Amino acid sequence: MTIDEIAAAANVARGTFFNYFESKEAVVVTYGPHEAEVQRSLIATSVHIPLRGQ
């Protein structure tokens, strides 16, 4: 995936991408323990919506 593709998917300009990240690799490094804990917390407090047939 290219930076142009990432920027397009986020509906931002390529230059805007670089306002937040130094490189494509920095996007992955930015997701760290704090973000993982926030995500776990959101999942733990979310309402379970059963799938059809369950």
PDB file of N, CA and C in Angstrom:
ATOM      1  N   MET A   1       0.850  -1.163   0.000  1.00  0.00           N
ATOM      2  CA  MET A   1       0.000   0.000   0.000  1.00  0.00           C
ATOM      3  C   MET A   1       0.898   1.229   0.000  1.00  0.00           C
ATOM      4  N   THR A   2       0.542   2.210  -0.796  1.00  0.00           N
ATOM      5  CA  THR A   2       1.333   3.433  -0.898  1.00  0.00           C
ATOM      6  C   THR A   2       0.770   4.510   0.024  1.00  0.00           C
ATOM      7  N   ILE A   3       1.555   5.536   0.262  1.00  0.00           N
ATOM      8  CA  ILE A   3       1.085   6.669   1.054  1.00  0.00           C
ATOM      9  C   ILE A   3      -0.083   7.339   0.356  1.00  0.00           C
ATOM     10  N   ASP A   4      -0.033   7.418  -0.964  1.00  0.00           N
ATOM     11  CA  ASP A   4      -1.145   7.997  -1.716  1.00  0.00           C
ATOM     12  C   ASP A   4      -2.435   7.212  -1.481  1.00  0.00           C
ATOM     13  N   GLU A   5      -2.338   5.891  -1.430  1.00  0.00           N
ATOM     14  CA  GLU A   5      -3.522   5.061  -1.181  1.00  0.00           C
ATOM     15  C   GLU A   5      -4.041   5.249   0.245  1.00  0.00           C
ATOM     16  N   ILE A   6      -3.122   5.344   1.196  1.00  0.00           N
ATOM     17  CA  ILE A   6      -3.523   5.584   2.590  1.00  0.00           C
ATOM     18  C   ILE A   6      -4.220   6.934   2.708  1.00  0.00           C
ATOM     19  N   ALA A   7      -3.636   7.956   2.113  1.00  0.00           N
ATOM     20  CA  ALA A   7      -4.219   9.293   2.163  1.00  0.00           C
ATOM     21  C   ALA A   7      -5.588   9.316   1.495  1.00  0.00           C
ATOM     22  N   ALA A   8      -5.718   8.658   0.372  1.00  0.00           N
ATOM     23  CA  ALA A   8      -7.005   8.619  -0.328  1.00  0.00           C
ATOM     24  C   ALA A   8      -8.057   7.911   0.514  1.00  0.00           C
ATOM     25  N   ALA A   9      -7.679   6.808   1.159  1.00  0.00           N
ATOM     26  CA  ALA A   9      -8.629   6.065   2.001  1.00  0.00           C
ATOM     27  C   ALA A   9      -9.064   6.899   3.201  1.00  0.00           C
ATOM     28  N   ALA A  10      -8.174   7.762   3.685  1.00  0.00           N
ATOM     29  CA  ALA A  10      -8.493   8.626   4.822  1.00  0.00           C
ATOM     30  C   ALA A  10      -9.132   9.939   4.374  1.00  0.00           C
ATOM     31  N   ASN A  11      -9.255  10.116   3.057  1.00  0.00           N
ATOM     32  CA  ASN A  11      -9.831  11.323   2.472  1.00  0.00           C
ATOM     33  C   ASN A  11      -9.049  12.576   2.875  1.00  0.00           C
ATOM     34  N   VAL A  12      -7.723  12.455   2.833  1.00  0.00           N
ATOM     35  CA  VAL A  12      -6.843  13.593   3.106  1.00  0.00           C
ATOM     36  C   VAL A  12      -5.807  13.682   2.000  1.00  0.00           C
ATOM     37  N   ALA A  13      -5.164  14.829   1.912  1.00  0.00           N
ATOM     38  CA  ALA A  13      -4.100  15.017   0.926  1.00  0.00           C
ATOM     39  C   ALA A  13      -2.828  14.326   1.402  1.00  0.00           C
ATOM     40  N   ARG A  14      -1.976  13.993   0.451  1.00  0.00           N
ATOM     41  CA  ARG A  14      -0.695  13.346   0.783  1.00  0.00           C
ATOM     42  C   ARG A  14       0.087  14.191   1.785  1.00  0.00           C
ATOM     43  N   GLY A  15       0.090  15.489   1.605  1.00  0.00           N
ATOM     44  CA  GLY A  15       0.812  16.379   2.523  1.00  0.00           C
ATOM     45  C   GLY A  15       0.265  16.328   3.938  1.00  0.00           C
ATOM     46  N   THR A  16      -1.045  16.162   4.065  1.00  0.00           N
ATOM     47  CA  THR A  16      -1.666  16.063   5.383  1.00  0.00           C
ATOM     48  C   THR A  16      -1.177  14.824   6.108  1.00  0.00           C
ATOM     49  N   PHE A  17      -0.998  13.739   5.381  1.00  0.00           N
ATOM     50  CA  PHE A  17      -0.456  12.509   5.973  1.00  0.00           C
ATOM     51  C   PHE A  17       0.841  12.815   6.713  1.00  0.00           C
ATOM     52  N   PHE A  18       1.704  13.593   6.069  1.00  0.00           N
ATOM     53  CA  PHE A  18       3.016  13.883   6.648  1.00  0.00           C
ATOM     54  C   PHE A  18       2.947  14.892   7.794  1.00  0.00           C
ATOM     55  N   ASN A  19       1.816  15.532   8.001  1.00  0.00           N
ATOM     56  CA  ASN A  19       1.647  16.368   9.193  1.00  0.00           C
ATOM     57  C   ASN A  19       1.551  15.500  10.444  1.00  0.00           C
ATOM     58  N   TYR A  20       1.132  14.262  10.281  1.00  0.00           N
ATOM     59  CA  TYR A  20       0.910  13.362  11.414  1.00  0.00           C
ATOM     60  C   TYR A  20       1.930  12.236  11.511  1.00  0.00           C
ATOM     61  N   PHE A  21       2.480  11.828  10.390  1.00  0.00           N
ATOM     62  CA  PHE A  21       3.407  10.692  10.367  1.00  0.00           C
ATOM     63  C   PHE A  21       4.623  11.025   9.518  1.00  0.00           C
ATOM     64  N   GLU A  22       5.806  10.573   9.976  1.00  0.00           N
ATOM     65  CA  GLU A  22       7.039  10.813   9.216  1.00  0.00           C
ATOM     66  C   GLU A  22       7.158   9.892   8.012  1.00  0.00           C
ATOM     67  N   SER A  23       6.534   8.722   8.120  1.00  0.00           N
ATOM     68  CA  SER A  23       6.638   7.736   7.047  1.00  0.00           C
ATOM     69  C   SER A  23       5.477   6.764   7.160  1.00  0.00           C
ATOM     70  N   LYS A  24       5.363   5.894   6.177  1.00  0.00           N
ATOM     71  CA  LYS A  24       4.330   4.860   6.214  1.00  0.00           C
ATOM     72  C   LYS A  24       4.572   3.936   7.405  1.00  0.00           C
ATOM     73  N   GLU A  25       5.810   3.641   7.681  1.00  0.00           N
ATOM     74  CA  GLU A  25       6.160   2.766   8.797  1.00  0.00           C
ATOM     75  C   GLU A  25       5.768   3.376  10.136  1.00  0.00           C
ATOM     76  N   ALA A  26       5.784   4.697  10.235  1.00  0.00           N
ATOM     77  CA  ALA A  26       5.428   5.379  11.487  1.00  0.00           C
ATOM     78  C   ALA A  26       3.971   5.151  11.867  1.00  0.00           C
ATOM     79  N   VAL A  27       3.121   4.866  10.900  1.00  0.00           N
ATOM     80  CA  VAL A  27       1.713   4.576  11.191  1.00  0.00           C
ATOM     81  C   VAL A  27       1.629   3.328  12.064  1.00  0.00           C
ATOM     82  N   VAL A  28       2.403   2.323  11.749  1.00  0.00           N
ATOM     83  CA  VAL A  28       2.392   1.073  12.507  1.00  0.00           C
ATOM     84  C   VAL A  28       3.014   1.267  13.877  1.00  0.00           C
ATOM     85  N   VAL A  29       4.088   2.006  13.946  1.00  0.00           N
ATOM     86  CA  VAL A  29       4.785   2.228  15.212  1.00  0.00           C
ATOM     87  C   VAL A  29       3.931   3.071  16.156  1.00  0.00           C
ATOM     88  N   THR A  30       3.109   3.956  15.619  1.00  0.00           N
ATOM     89  CA  THR A  30       2.278   4.825  16.435  1.00  0.00           C
ATOM     90  C   THR A  30       1.259   4.029  17.236  1.00  0.00           C
ATOM     91  N   TYR A  31       0.830   2.895  16.722  1.00  0.00           N
ATOM     92  CA  TYR A  31      -0.130   2.060  17.423  1.00  0.00           C
ATOM     93  C   TYR A  31       0.630   1.270  18.481  1.00  0.00           C
ATOM     94  N   GLY A  32       0.539   1.732  19.710  1.00  0.00           N
ATOM     95  CA  GLY A  32       1.305   1.101  20.776  1.00  0.00           C
ATOM     96  C   GLY A  32       0.434   0.597  21.906  1.00  0.00           C
ATOM     97  N   PRO A  33       1.034   0.356  23.057  1.00  0.00           N
ATOM     98  CA  PRO A  33       0.321  -0.220  24.196  1.00  0.00           C
ATOM     99  C   PRO A  33      -0.890   0.604  24.636  1.00  0.00           C
ATOM    100  N   HIS A  34      -0.754   1.919  24.631  1.00  0.00           N
ATOM    101  CA  HIS A  34      -1.882   2.759  25.050  1.00  0.00           C
ATOM    102  C   HIS A  34      -3.077   2.570  24.125  1.00  0.00           C
ATOM    103  N   GLU A  35      -2.827   2.599  22.827  1.00  0.00           N
ATOM    104  CA  GLU A  35      -3.910   2.437  21.863  1.00  0.00           C
ATOM    105  C   GLU A  35      -4.538   1.053  21.986  1.00  0.00           C
ATOM    106  N   ALA A  36      -3.712   0.043  22.219  1.00  0.00           N
ATOM    107  CA  ALA A  36      -4.226  -1.318  22.378  1.00  0.00           C
ATOM    108  C   ALA A  36      -5.127  -1.409  23.610  1.00  0.00           C
ATOM    109  N   GLU A  37      -4.743  -0.748  24.704  1.00  0.00           N
ATOM    110  CA  GLU A  37      -5.557  -0.762  25.925  1.00  0.00           C
ATOM    111  C   GLU A  37      -6.880  -0.036  25.701  1.00  0.00           C
ATOM    112  N   VAL A  38      -6.849   1.073  24.996  1.00  0.00           N
ATOM    113  CA  VAL A  38      -8.086   1.799  24.686  1.00  0.00           C
ATOM    114  C   VAL A  38      -9.011   0.906  23.865  1.00  0.00           C
ATOM    115  N   GLN A  39      -8.460   0.224  22.893  1.00  0.00           N
ATOM    116  CA  GLN A  39      -9.262  -0.654  22.051  1.00  0.00           C
ATOM    117  C   GLN A  39      -9.861  -1.800  22.867  1.00  0.00           C
ATOM    118  N   ARG A  40      -9.059  -2.414  23.742  1.00  0.00           N
ATOM    119  CA  ARG A  40      -9.578  -3.485  24.598  1.00  0.00           C
ATOM    120  C   ARG A  40     -10.705  -2.971  25.488  1.00  0.00           C
ATOM    121  N   SER A  41     -10.551  -1.781  26.019  1.00  0.00           N
ATOM    122  CA  SER A  41     -11.576  -1.182  26.879  1.00  0.00           C
ATOM    123  C   SER A  41     -12.869  -0.944  26.107  1.00  0.00           C
ATOM    124  N   LEU A  42     -12.754  -0.447  24.901  1.00  0.00           N
ATOM    125  CA  LEU A  42     -13.945  -0.211  24.082  1.00  0.00           C
ATOM    126  C   LEU A  42     -14.658  -1.515  23.760  1.00  0.00           C
ATOM    127  N   ILE A  43     -13.895  -2.539  23.453  1.00  0.00           N
ATOM    128  CA  ILE A  43     -14.494  -3.839  23.147  1.00  0.00           C
ATOM    129  C   ILE A  43     -15.179  -4.411  24.381  1.00  0.00           C
ATOM    130  N   ALA A  44     -14.538  -4.278  25.538  1.00  0.00           N
ATOM    131  CA  ALA A  44     -15.085  -4.836  26.773  1.00  0.00           C
ATOM    132  C   ALA A  44     -16.389  -4.156  27.185  1.00  0.00           C
ATOM    133  N   THR A  45     -16.537  -2.887  26.845  1.00  0.00           N
ATOM    134  CA  THR A  45     -17.738  -2.156  27.261  1.00  0.00           C
ATOM    135  C   THR A  45     -18.793  -2.079  26.166  1.00  0.00           C
ATOM    136  N   SER A  46     -18.505  -2.655  25.015  1.00  0.00           N
ATOM    137  CA  SER A  46     -19.470  -2.579  23.918  1.00  0.00           C
ATOM    138  C   SER A  46     -20.634  -3.534  24.149  1.00  0.00           C
ATOM    139  N   VAL A  47     -21.731  -3.222  23.544  1.00  0.00           N
ATOM    140  CA  VAL A  47     -22.929  -4.052  23.630  1.00  0.00           C
ATOM    141  C   VAL A  47     -22.796  -5.186  22.628  1.00  0.00           C
ATOM    142  N   HIS A  48     -23.081  -6.386  23.074  1.00  0.00           N
ATOM    143  CA  HIS A  48     -23.023  -7.540  22.176  1.00  0.00           C
ATOM    144  C   HIS A  48     -24.318  -7.605  21.361  1.00  0.00           C
ATOM    145  N   ILE A  49     -24.180  -7.597  20.072  1.00  0.00           N
ATOM    146  CA  ILE A  49     -25.322  -7.744  19.183  1.00  0.00           C
ATOM    147  C   ILE A  49     -25.198  -9.098  18.512  1.00  0.00           C
ATOM    148  N   PRO A  50     -26.052 -10.041  18.864  1.00  0.00           N
ATOM    149  CA  PRO A  50     -25.916 -11.382  18.302  1.00  0.00           C
ATOM    150  C   PRO A  50     -26.124 -11.388  16.792  1.00  0.00           C
ATOM    151  N   LEU A  51     -25.382 -12.240  16.143  1.00  0.00           N
ATOM    152  CA  LEU A  51     -25.559 -12.423  14.715  1.00  0.00           C
ATOM    153  C   LEU A  51     -26.835 -13.207  14.471  1.00  0.00           C
ATOM    154  N   ARG A  52     -27.383 -13.058  13.308  1.00  0.00           N
ATOM    155  CA  ARG A  52     -28.589 -13.785  12.952  1.00  0.00           C
ATOM    156  C   ARG A  52     -28.383 -15.281  13.169  1.00  0.00           C
ATOM    157  N   GLY A  53     -29.333 -15.913  13.841  1.00  0.00           N
ATOM    158  CA  GLY A  53     -29.255 -17.339  14.071  1.00  0.00           C
ATOM    159  C   GLY A  53     -28.514 -17.706  15.346  1.00  0.00           C
ATOM    160  N   GLN A  54     -28.065 -16.721  16.109  1.00  0.00           N
ATOM    161  CA  GLN A  54     -27.352 -17.024  17.362  1.00  0.00           C
ATOM    162  C   GLN A  54     -28.174 -16.617  18.553  1.00  0.00           C
TER     163      GLN A  54
END
